[in-house]
Amino acid sequence: MSATSKFPYKGQAVYPQVTLQDNGQYAACFVIRAGYDESGEVRYVRELPTTEFSNEDDAVAYILDFSAEWIDQNPL
């Protein structure tokens, strides 16, 4: 996944940071920022690989599901 990949949602942007861990699992880390570019304030950060998946697609799907729910519950 590109370091600049982003997914816009309701005036915010989700930046997935999926990384392959030493154990072969993909860590689902991400940042939610206000606005559609990187100049908006950071609203949420998940840096620790608290959730891991066997493939990158599942990690991204989790990130998008979690982020959409969080944004819906914490509108701008």
C-alpha atoms as a PDB file:
ATOM      1  CA  MET A   1       0.000   0.000   0.000  1.00  0.00           C
ATOM      2  CA  SER A   2       1.279   3.416  -0.939  1.00  0.00           C
ATOM      3  CA  ALA A   3       2.324   5.683   1.918  1.00  0.00           C
ATOM      4  CA  THR A   4       0.078   8.362   0.395  1.00  0.00           C
ATOM      5  CA  SER A   5      -3.051   6.220   0.003  1.00  0.00           C
ATOM      6  CA  LYS A   6      -6.087   7.894   1.472  1.00  0.00           C
ATOM      7  CA  PHE A   7      -9.803   7.317   1.534  1.00  0.00           C
ATOM      8  CA  PRO A   8     -12.123  10.340   1.857  1.00  0.00           C
ATOM      9  CA  TYR A   9     -15.228  10.050   4.025  1.00  0.00           C
ATOM     10  CA  LYS A  10     -17.630  12.790   5.153  1.00  0.00           C
ATOM     11  CA  GLY A  11     -15.140  15.662   5.007  1.00  0.00           C
ATOM     12  CA  GLN A  12     -12.284  13.654   6.472  1.00  0.00           C
ATOM     13  CA  ALA A  13      -9.596  11.351   5.140  1.00  0.00           C
ATOM     14  CA  VAL A  14      -8.411   7.959   6.350  1.00  0.00           C
ATOM     15  CA  TYR A  15      -4.733   7.161   5.791  1.00  0.00           C
ATOM     16  CA  PRO A  16      -4.096   3.399   6.149  1.00  0.00           C
ATOM     17  CA  GLN A  17      -0.628   2.379   7.322  1.00  0.00           C
ATOM     18  CA  VAL A  18      -0.696  -1.373   6.794  1.00  0.00           C
ATOM     19  CA  THR A  19       2.642  -3.011   7.532  1.00  0.00           C
ATOM     20  CA  LEU A  20       3.836  -6.594   7.382  1.00  0.00           C
ATOM     21  CA  GLN A  21       4.993  -7.697  10.835  1.00  0.00           C
ATOM     22  CA  ASP A  22       7.801 -10.146  11.621  1.00  0.00           C
ATOM     23  CA  ASN A  23       5.168 -12.768  12.455  1.00  0.00           C
ATOM     24  CA  GLY A  24       3.781 -12.627   8.887  1.00  0.00           C
ATOM     25  CA  GLN A  25       0.616 -10.767   9.893  1.00  0.00           C
ATOM     26  CA  TYR A  26      -0.452  -7.352   8.611  1.00  0.00           C
ATOM     27  CA  ALA A  27      -0.884  -4.624  11.232  1.00  0.00           C
ATOM     28  CA  ALA A  28      -3.908  -2.352  10.741  1.00  0.00           C
ATOM     29  CA  CYS A  29      -2.608   1.082  11.748  1.00  0.00           C
ATOM     30  CA  PHE A  30      -4.079   4.333  10.423  1.00  0.00           C
ATOM     31  CA  VAL A  31      -4.675   8.057  10.836  1.00  0.00           C
ATOM     32  CA  ILE A  32      -7.923  10.011  10.448  1.00  0.00           C
ATOM     33  CA  ARG A  33      -7.491  13.679   9.507  1.00  0.00           C
ATOM     34  CA  ALA A  34      -9.988  16.487   9.046  1.00  0.00           C
ATOM     35  CA  GLY A  35     -10.288  17.539   5.398  1.00  0.00           C
ATOM     36  CA  TYR A  36      -9.145  15.694   2.318  1.00  0.00           C
ATOM     37  CA  ASP A  37      -5.495  16.687   2.382  1.00  0.00           C
ATOM     38  CA  GLU A  38      -2.719  16.274   4.894  1.00  0.00           C
ATOM     39  CA  SER A  39      -3.080  19.835   6.220  1.00  0.00           C
ATOM     40  CA  GLY A  40      -6.149  19.094   8.394  1.00  0.00           C
ATOM     41  CA  GLU A  41      -5.930  18.356  12.079  1.00  0.00           C
ATOM     42  CA  VAL A  42      -5.295  14.785  13.189  1.00  0.00           C
ATOM     43  CA  ARG A  43      -8.509  13.437  14.707  1.00  0.00           C
ATOM     44  CA  TYR A  44      -7.545   9.827  15.485  1.00  0.00           C
ATOM     45  CA  VAL A  45      -4.359   7.747  15.353  1.00  0.00           C
ATOM     46  CA  ARG A  46      -3.870   4.037  15.746  1.00  0.00           C
ATOM     47  CA  GLU A  47      -0.117   3.373  15.792  1.00  0.00           C
ATOM     48  CA  LEU A  48       0.213   0.138  17.684  1.00  0.00           C
ATOM     49  CA  PRO A  49      -0.502  -3.046  15.760  1.00  0.00           C
ATOM     50  CA  THR A  50      -3.367  -3.937  18.098  1.00  0.00           C
ATOM     51  CA  THR A  51      -5.217  -5.677  15.287  1.00  0.00           C
ATOM     52  CA  GLU A  52      -3.455  -7.987  12.836  1.00  0.00           C
ATOM     53  CA  PHE A  53      -4.685  -9.821   9.744  1.00  0.00           C
ATOM     54  CA  SER A  54      -3.412 -12.566   7.477  1.00  0.00           C
ATOM     55  CA  ASN A  55      -3.605 -10.368   4.366  1.00  0.00           C
ATOM     56  CA  GLU A  56      -3.433  -6.701   3.441  1.00  0.00           C
ATOM     57  CA  ASP A  57      -6.956  -6.534   1.983  1.00  0.00           C
ATOM     58  CA  ASP A  58      -8.531  -7.670   5.261  1.00  0.00           C
ATOM     59  CA  ALA A  59      -6.473  -5.100   7.169  1.00  0.00           C
ATOM     60  CA  VAL A  60      -7.614  -2.272   4.884  1.00  0.00           C
ATOM     61  CA  ALA A  61     -11.251  -3.439   5.082  1.00  0.00           C
ATOM     62  CA  TYR A  62     -11.050  -3.363   8.896  1.00  0.00           C
ATOM     63  CA  ILE A  63      -9.500   0.120   8.838  1.00  0.00           C
ATOM     64  CA  LEU A  64     -12.236   1.486   6.575  1.00  0.00           C
ATOM     65  CA  ASP A  65     -15.053  -0.109   8.589  1.00  0.00           C
ATOM     66  CA  PHE A  66     -13.641   1.114  11.910  1.00  0.00           C
ATOM     67  CA  SER A  67     -12.916   4.596  10.548  1.00  0.00           C
ATOM     68  CA  ALA A  68     -16.370   5.061   9.017  1.00  0.00           C
ATOM     69  CA  GLU A  69     -18.006   4.091  12.308  1.00  0.00           C
ATOM     70  CA  TRP A  70     -15.681   6.376  14.308  1.00  0.00           C
ATOM     71  CA  ILE A  71     -16.262   9.323  11.948  1.00  0.00           C
ATOM     72  CA  ASP A  72     -20.036   8.787  12.090  1.00  0.00           C
ATOM     73  CA  GLN A  73     -19.878   8.893  15.888  1.00  0.00           C
ATOM     74  CA  ASN A  74     -17.463  11.876  15.997  1.00  0.00           C
ATOM     75  CA  PRO A  75     -18.532  14.289  13.238  1.00  0.00           C
ATOM     76  CA  LEU A  76     -16.671  17.524  12.590  1.00  0.00           C
END
